[in-house]
Amino acid sequence: MLEKKMILSSNPMKRLKTNNTDHNEDTSTGDSSKDSSSFSGLWEGLSPEILSLIFVRIQQDELVKIVPFVCQPWREVVAGPYCWSDIDIEQWCRRCNDSSKIDLVVRKLIRRSRGHFHRLSVYKLSNFGFTFVANCAEHLKALQIPMSGVTDKTVKKYVTSFAKLTFLDISNCLQITCKGLEILGNNCKSLTSLRRNMPPPEWEKDGKLPAAKSNDGEAMVIANTMTSLCQLELAYGRFGDLGLDALVTKCKNLTHLDILGSVCVRLDGDLLDKCERLMVFRGPWDHYDAFSDNDGDDNEAASGARTPVYSFYTLVAHTPSQPFKYSWLYFQSPHVGTRKVEQYVIGGETLLNFNCLNRTDGVCEL
């Protein structure tokens, strides 16, 4: 019966509870030693490779906290390398929000993998943690370290360890500049996917939108050194049309491009046509367009209005990891309410709630 339930259950954590329940029920019948022996023998008969195929479907913080205490064979598998070829603890890192603790856990899990991890996804990794990863990155192909404190100097020192990388996420890594990007591009020639999303710009205290200052430095570096890219995310980048044109021209294999919130981009000339030839293109204002009302569009068309109406919000947003002040500007039809903003997602985290501090409506002449 145990074996049958183990195979039929598609949820690993449910399977854990089912097996423990069956074991407790058998114990209550008075034949505990016999059933305990058969339970242990069942799992000891499975190879670590098969057990690991089951365990990798469990969230990794639960894999560490719960699974090892079920039985000895499970404990041995979790302590070994079989479950740690793919290390994804980003959500735990966001809850922890402590770089020193995150570095410690990353070191422990990499040691468990015995250096055979192929993917690492963490958050707020420090220079020390990055150094340890680099020293064990012989088989690493995908590295996600958003919001980390890694510097250009550290990247330069250890970049040769990441020659096999095909996927890199350095979103919101503010201490990595054009120099660090150039070093990565010149050394990580297998890179096909890059995420370099940045935080939205800070708005001025009086609620006015600051003048956008274009800087094509990062876009030009990516275009010149990462020509094999297929997927590229540059949300809230400071580049303009010059940098964007270089990206779509020099990255011949590019199929997916996301430049949401990159307000310096104008898409003049034939640049829009070039971008729309891509398989997937997300423009600077695509997210705002999703908030517009069909009714409002009809009213605007009927009135013959040629100037876009906008709303500018200053609000305090609350996400699972932290509250922070945020500003929101989007073009809209008249009378679109603030309820639309509530649907937005910041950095992969859904807004729990928000308090609107200020709203300004206006008309923008093109």
Protein backbone atom coordinates (compact mmCIF):
# COMPACT_ATOMS: atom_id res chain seq x y z
CA MET A 1 0.00 0.00 0.00
CA LEU A 2 2.83 2.39 0.84
CA GLU A 3 4.53 1.78 -2.48
CA LYS A 4 1.30 2.25 -4.39
CA LYS A 5 0.54 5.57 -2.67
CA MET A 6 4.07 6.78 -3.23
CA ILE A 7 3.82 6.21 -6.98
CA LEU A 8 0.32 7.62 -7.42
CA SER A 9 0.84 10.83 -5.48
CA SER A 10 1.94 13.70 -7.72
CA ASN A 11 2.66 16.13 -4.86
CA PRO A 12 5.92 15.30 -3.02
CA MET A 13 4.90 17.03 0.23
CA LYS A 14 1.52 15.32 0.15
CA ARG A 15 3.36 12.06 -0.39
CA LEU A 16 5.44 12.76 2.72
CA LYS A 17 2.31 13.29 4.82
CA THR A 18 0.58 10.22 3.34
CA ASN A 19 3.48 7.93 4.14
CA ASN A 20 3.82 9.28 7.67
CA THR A 21 0.06 8.86 8.25
CA ASP A 22 0.14 5.26 7.07
CA HIS A 23 3.09 4.56 9.30
CA ASN A 24 1.35 6.02 12.35
CA GLU A 25 -1.83 4.03 11.67
CA ASP A 26 0.14 0.79 11.40
CA THR A 27 1.93 1.57 14.64
CA SER A 28 -1.37 1.95 16.47
CA THR A 29 -2.24 -1.67 15.61
CA GLY A 30 0.59 -2.94 17.79
CA ASP A 31 2.88 -4.23 15.01
CA SER A 32 5.11 -1.15 14.94
CA SER A 33 8.52 -2.81 14.69
CA LYS A 34 7.57 -4.90 11.67
CA ASP A 35 5.96 -1.99 9.77
CA SER A 36 8.81 0.36 10.67
CA SER A 37 11.25 -2.11 9.22
CA SER A 38 9.24 -2.49 6.00
CA PHE A 39 8.92 1.31 5.68
CA SER A 40 12.66 1.77 6.02
CA GLY A 41 13.37 -1.07 3.65
CA LEU A 42 11.09 0.44 1.01
CA TRP A 43 13.12 3.63 0.76
CA GLU A 44 16.48 1.96 1.21
CA GLY A 45 15.67 -0.05 -1.90
CA LEU A 46 15.44 3.10 -4.04
CA SER A 47 18.61 4.57 -5.49
CA PRO A 48 19.61 8.12 -4.50
CA GLU A 49 19.12 9.18 -8.12
CA ILE A 50 15.45 8.12 -8.08
CA LEU A 51 14.81 9.76 -4.71
CA SER A 52 16.39 12.97 -5.93
CA LEU A 53 14.02 13.06 -8.92
CA ILE A 54 11.18 13.14 -6.39
CA PHE A 55 12.78 15.61 -4.00
CA VAL A 56 13.68 18.25 -6.60
CA ARG A 57 9.96 18.97 -6.95
CA ILE A 58 9.86 20.22 -3.36
CA GLN A 59 10.67 23.82 -2.47
CA GLN A 60 14.27 23.87 -1.36
CA ASP A 61 13.72 25.47 2.03
CA GLU A 62 11.26 22.65 2.81
CA LEU A 63 13.71 20.16 1.36
CA VAL A 64 16.20 21.19 4.03
CA LYS A 65 13.78 21.60 6.95
CA ILE A 66 11.40 18.64 6.54
CA VAL A 67 12.65 15.85 4.29
CA PRO A 68 15.79 14.86 6.27
CA PHE A 69 13.69 14.03 9.34
CA VAL A 70 11.46 11.45 7.62
CA CYS A 71 13.93 8.57 7.47
CA GLN A 72 17.64 7.83 7.21
CA PRO A 73 17.75 7.18 3.42
CA TRP A 74 16.05 10.52 2.76
CA ARG A 75 18.47 12.32 5.05
CA GLU A 76 21.43 10.84 3.19
CA VAL A 77 20.05 11.88 -0.20
CA VAL A 78 19.38 15.46 0.90
CA ALA A 79 22.87 15.70 2.38
CA GLY A 80 24.40 14.48 -0.90
CA PRO A 81 24.84 16.13 -4.30
CA TYR A 82 21.86 14.61 -6.12
CA CYS A 83 19.30 17.27 -5.10
CA TRP A 84 21.50 20.30 -5.62
CA SER A 85 22.35 20.52 -9.32
CA ASP A 86 19.71 23.27 -9.48
CA ILE A 87 19.94 25.63 -6.48
CA ASP A 88 16.99 28.03 -6.36
CA ILE A 89 16.58 29.84 -3.04
CA GLU A 90 15.64 33.30 -4.31
CA GLN A 91 12.28 33.42 -2.54
CA TRP A 92 13.86 32.35 0.75
CA CYS A 93 16.55 35.01 0.26
CA ARG A 94 13.88 37.67 -0.19
CA ARG A 95 12.25 36.65 3.07
CA CYS A 96 15.61 36.50 4.85
CA ASN A 97 16.92 39.79 3.37
CA ASP A 98 20.29 39.36 5.14
CA SER A 99 23.34 39.03 2.89
CA SER A 100 25.52 37.41 5.56
CA LYS A 101 22.97 34.63 6.17
CA ILE A 102 22.40 34.25 2.44
CA ASP A 103 26.14 33.84 1.82
CA LEU A 104 26.31 31.16 4.50
CA VAL A 105 23.42 29.13 3.05
CA VAL A 106 24.80 29.44 -0.49
CA ARG A 107 28.16 28.06 0.66
CA LYS A 108 26.48 25.13 2.42
CA LEU A 109 24.34 24.17 -0.56
CA ILE A 110 27.22 24.46 -3.03
CA ARG A 111 29.29 22.19 -0.80
CA ARG A 112 26.43 19.69 -0.83
CA SER A 113 26.40 19.76 -4.63
CA ARG A 114 30.15 19.01 -4.58
CA GLY A 115 30.62 21.67 -7.22
CA HIS A 116 28.25 20.04 -9.72
CA PHE A 117 25.49 22.67 -9.61
CA HIS A 118 24.35 23.91 -13.04
CA ARG A 119 22.05 26.73 -11.92
CA LEU A 120 22.09 29.15 -9.00
CA SER A 121 19.28 31.59 -8.22
CA VAL A 122 19.75 33.85 -5.19
CA TYR A 123 19.03 37.41 -4.08
CA LYS A 124 21.27 39.97 -2.35
CA LEU A 125 24.46 37.96 -2.69
CA SER A 126 27.54 39.82 -1.41
CA ASN A 127 31.03 40.02 -2.88
CA PHE A 128 32.14 37.25 -0.52
CA GLY A 129 29.33 34.95 -1.63
CA PHE A 130 30.05 35.69 -5.28
CA THR A 131 33.71 34.82 -4.75
CA PHE A 132 32.77 31.43 -3.29
CA VAL A 133 30.41 30.75 -6.21
CA ALA A 134 33.15 31.64 -8.70
CA ASN A 135 35.58 29.20 -7.12
CA CYS A 136 33.07 26.34 -7.60
CA ALA A 137 31.49 27.37 -10.92
CA GLU A 138 33.08 24.79 -13.20
CA HIS A 139 29.69 23.42 -14.33
CA LEU A 140 27.56 26.56 -13.81
CA LYS A 141 25.43 27.58 -16.80
CA ALA A 142 22.71 29.80 -15.29
CA LEU A 143 23.37 32.48 -12.66
CA GLN A 144 20.64 34.70 -11.20
CA ILE A 145 21.81 37.23 -8.60
CA PRO A 146 19.35 40.19 -8.67
CA MET A 147 19.82 43.01 -6.16
CA SER A 148 23.30 41.75 -5.25
CA GLY A 149 26.22 43.85 -4.02
CA VAL A 150 28.78 42.48 -6.48
CA THR A 151 31.22 45.10 -7.80
CA ASP A 152 33.10 45.58 -11.06
CA LYS A 153 36.36 44.75 -9.29
CA THR A 154 35.07 41.38 -8.11
CA VAL A 155 33.62 40.60 -11.55
CA LYS A 156 36.98 41.34 -13.17
CA LYS A 157 38.85 39.12 -10.73
CA TYR A 158 36.65 36.04 -11.12
CA VAL A 159 34.98 36.39 -14.53
CA THR A 160 37.01 33.57 -16.11
CA SER A 161 35.19 31.13 -13.83
CA PHE A 162 31.92 31.88 -15.64
CA ALA A 163 32.96 31.07 -19.19
CA LYS A 164 30.19 28.44 -19.56
CA LEU A 165 27.33 30.76 -18.58
CA THR A 166 24.41 30.81 -21.00
CA PHE A 167 21.97 32.73 -18.75
CA LEU A 168 22.78 35.69 -16.49
CA ASP A 169 20.50 37.85 -14.35
CA ILE A 170 22.17 40.90 -12.81
CA SER A 171 19.03 43.00 -12.43
CA ASN A 172 19.30 45.84 -9.89
CA CYS A 173 22.99 45.10 -9.27
CA LEU A 174 23.82 48.79 -9.02
CA GLN A 175 27.53 48.32 -8.33
CA ILE A 176 28.04 46.58 -11.66
CA THR A 177 28.57 49.33 -14.24
CA CYS A 178 29.47 49.50 -17.92
CA LYS A 179 32.96 48.27 -17.03
CA GLY A 180 31.61 45.14 -15.39
CA LEU A 181 29.23 44.50 -18.30
CA GLU A 182 32.08 44.82 -20.78
CA ILE A 183 34.20 42.36 -18.79
CA LEU A 184 31.32 39.88 -18.71
CA GLY A 185 30.64 40.30 -22.42
CA ASN A 186 34.27 39.76 -23.40
CA ASN A 187 34.59 36.59 -21.33
CA CYS A 188 31.14 34.93 -21.32
CA LYS A 189 30.90 34.12 -25.02
CA SER A 190 28.29 31.39 -24.51
CA LEU A 191 25.78 33.88 -23.08
CA THR A 192 22.41 33.73 -24.87
CA SER A 193 20.12 35.33 -22.27
CA LEU A 194 20.71 38.45 -20.16
CA ARG A 195 18.52 40.21 -17.61
CA ARG A 196 19.66 43.70 -16.70
CA ASN A 197 16.45 45.24 -15.37
CA MET A 198 16.97 48.33 -13.24
CA PRO A 199 14.83 50.06 -10.58
CA PRO A 200 12.37 52.74 -11.76
CA PRO A 201 13.70 56.31 -11.48
CA GLU A 202 13.16 58.30 -8.30
CA TRP A 203 10.64 61.09 -8.70
CA GLU A 204 11.11 64.55 -7.27
CA LYS A 205 9.49 65.49 -3.93
CA ASP A 206 7.06 67.93 -5.51
CA GLY A 207 5.55 65.09 -7.53
CA LYS A 208 6.97 66.23 -10.87
CA LEU A 209 8.53 63.89 -13.40
CA PRO A 210 12.30 64.56 -13.61
CA ALA A 211 13.84 65.24 -16.99
CA ALA A 212 14.95 61.96 -18.57
CA LYS A 213 18.70 61.85 -19.23
CA SER A 214 19.73 59.39 -21.91
CA ASN A 215 22.84 57.24 -21.41
CA ASP A 216 23.58 54.69 -24.12
CA GLY A 217 26.71 53.33 -22.42
CA GLU A 218 25.35 49.99 -21.18
CA ALA A 219 23.33 49.33 -24.32
CA MET A 220 26.37 49.95 -26.53
CA VAL A 221 28.54 47.65 -24.41
CA ILE A 222 25.96 44.86 -24.62
CA ALA A 223 25.58 45.35 -28.38
CA ASN A 224 29.34 45.25 -28.95
CA THR A 225 30.30 42.36 -26.65
CA MET A 226 27.22 40.10 -26.36
CA THR A 227 26.28 39.59 -30.00
CA SER A 228 25.04 36.01 -29.42
CA LEU A 229 22.15 37.07 -27.19
CA CYS A 230 18.73 35.62 -28.00
CA GLN A 231 16.79 37.04 -25.03
CA LEU A 232 17.43 40.43 -23.44
CA GLU A 233 15.61 42.29 -20.66
CA LEU A 234 16.54 45.93 -20.05
CA ALA A 235 13.51 47.29 -18.19
CA TYR A 236 13.90 50.88 -16.96
CA GLY A 237 17.17 51.33 -18.85
CA ARG A 238 18.50 54.84 -19.43
CA PHE A 239 19.46 54.24 -23.08
CA GLY A 240 17.84 55.99 -26.02
CA ASP A 241 17.27 55.22 -29.68
CA LEU A 242 21.00 55.08 -30.43
CA GLY A 243 21.61 52.28 -27.95
CA LEU A 244 18.45 50.40 -28.91
CA ASP A 245 19.32 50.54 -32.61
CA ALA A 246 22.77 49.13 -31.85
CA LEU A 247 21.19 46.25 -29.91
CA VAL A 248 18.73 45.16 -32.60
CA THR A 249 21.33 45.63 -35.34
CA LYS A 250 24.34 43.85 -33.83
CA CYS A 251 22.58 41.09 -31.86
CA LYS A 252 21.59 39.09 -34.93
CA ASN A 253 20.11 36.18 -32.93
CA LEU A 254 17.86 38.37 -30.77
CA THR A 255 14.27 37.09 -30.56
CA HIS A 256 13.01 38.47 -27.21
CA LEU A 257 13.52 42.08 -26.09
CA ASP A 258 11.97 43.82 -23.08
CA ILE A 259 12.59 47.57 -22.61
CA LEU A 260 9.60 48.36 -20.39
CA GLY A 261 9.92 51.74 -18.68
CA SER A 262 12.92 52.88 -20.75
CA VAL A 263 11.50 56.37 -21.14
CA CYS A 264 14.40 57.81 -23.16
CA VAL A 265 13.52 55.58 -26.11
CA ARG A 266 11.49 57.39 -28.79
CA LEU A 267 11.34 54.65 -31.47
CA ASP A 268 11.84 57.21 -34.24
CA GLY A 269 12.37 56.39 -37.91
CA ASP A 270 12.39 52.70 -38.78
CA LEU A 271 13.46 51.63 -35.29
CA LEU A 272 9.94 50.56 -34.30
CA ASP A 273 9.72 48.35 -37.39
CA LYS A 274 13.04 46.71 -36.50
CA CYS A 275 11.84 45.97 -32.98
CA GLU A 276 8.47 44.62 -34.08
CA ARG A 277 10.20 42.09 -36.34
CA LEU A 278 11.38 40.31 -33.19
CA MET A 279 9.41 37.31 -31.98
CA VAL A 280 8.63 39.10 -28.69
CA PHE A 281 9.03 42.85 -28.14
CA ARG A 282 7.88 44.75 -25.05
CA GLY A 283 8.11 48.48 -25.57
CA PRO A 284 8.66 51.30 -23.06
CA TRP A 285 4.93 51.92 -22.51
CA ASP A 286 3.43 48.47 -23.10
CA HIS A 287 2.46 47.95 -19.46
CA TYR A 288 0.71 51.29 -19.33
CA ASP A 289 -1.24 50.53 -22.49
CA ALA A 290 -2.66 47.44 -20.78
CA PHE A 291 -4.34 49.71 -18.21
CA SER A 292 -6.30 51.78 -20.71
CA ASP A 293 -10.08 51.36 -20.93
CA ASN A 294 -11.83 50.42 -24.17
CA ASP A 295 -14.67 52.77 -23.24
CA GLY A 296 -12.24 55.59 -22.65
CA ASP A 297 -10.60 55.00 -26.00
CA ASP A 298 -13.97 55.18 -27.71
CA ASN A 299 -14.79 58.45 -25.94
CA GLU A 300 -11.43 59.91 -26.87
CA ALA A 301 -11.82 58.90 -30.50
CA ALA A 302 -15.30 60.44 -30.60
CA SER A 303 -14.03 63.72 -29.18
CA GLY A 304 -11.23 63.89 -31.74
CA ALA A 305 -8.59 64.42 -29.05
CA ARG A 306 -5.02 64.21 -30.33
CA THR A 307 -3.13 64.80 -27.08
CA PRO A 308 -2.65 61.95 -24.57
CA VAL A 309 -4.15 62.25 -21.11
CA TYR A 310 -1.96 61.03 -18.27
CA SER A 311 -2.12 60.39 -14.53
CA PHE A 312 0.88 60.60 -12.24
CA TYR A 313 0.73 58.79 -8.88
CA THR A 314 2.98 58.92 -5.85
CA LEU A 315 2.28 55.96 -3.57
CA VAL A 316 3.68 53.70 -0.89
CA ALA A 317 3.67 50.10 -2.14
CA HIS A 318 3.79 47.07 0.13
CA THR A 319 5.25 43.78 -1.16
CA PRO A 320 6.04 40.54 0.73
CA SER A 321 9.65 41.64 1.20
CA GLN A 322 9.47 45.37 1.90
CA PRO A 323 7.42 48.57 1.69
CA PHE A 324 8.81 51.39 -0.41
CA LYS A 325 7.83 54.65 -2.06
CA TYR A 326 7.01 54.29 -5.71
CA SER A 327 5.80 56.54 -8.49
CA TRP A 328 3.62 55.63 -11.40
CA LEU A 329 3.01 57.46 -14.67
CA TYR A 330 0.84 56.18 -17.49
CA PHE A 331 -1.11 57.54 -20.40
CA GLN A 332 -4.81 56.86 -20.17
CA SER A 333 -8.26 57.74 -21.27
CA PRO A 334 -10.14 60.12 -18.96
CA HIS A 335 -11.60 58.84 -15.71
CA VAL A 336 -9.41 55.75 -15.31
CA GLY A 337 -9.27 54.99 -11.58
CA THR A 338 -6.37 54.13 -9.28
CA ARG A 339 -7.66 50.57 -9.01
CA LYS A 340 -5.69 49.85 -12.18
CA VAL A 341 -2.39 50.40 -10.38
CA GLU A 342 -3.20 47.67 -7.88
CA GLN A 343 -2.63 45.03 -10.55
CA TYR A 344 1.02 45.94 -11.08
CA VAL A 345 3.88 43.58 -10.13
CA ILE A 346 7.24 44.92 -8.93
CA GLY A 347 10.37 42.76 -9.27
CA GLY A 348 8.32 39.57 -9.45
CA GLU A 349 6.37 40.41 -6.26
CA THR A 350 2.66 41.16 -6.32
CA LEU A 351 1.60 44.29 -4.47
CA LEU A 352 -0.17 43.42 -1.23
CA ASN A 353 -1.64 46.92 -0.99
CA PHE A 354 -0.73 50.54 -1.61
CA ASN A 355 -1.51 53.98 -0.22
CA CYS A 356 -1.85 56.73 -2.80
CA LEU A 357 -0.16 59.90 -1.50
CA ASN A 358 -0.77 62.12 -4.51
CA ARG A 359 -2.35 62.07 -7.95
CA THR A 360 -1.89 64.61 -10.73
CA ASP A 361 -3.80 64.49 -14.02
CA GLY A 362 -2.82 66.41 -17.10
CA VAL A 363 -2.57 66.62 -20.86
CA CYS A 364 0.75 66.19 -22.66
CA GLU A 365 1.34 67.86 -26.02
CA LEU A 366 3.35 65.68 -28.41
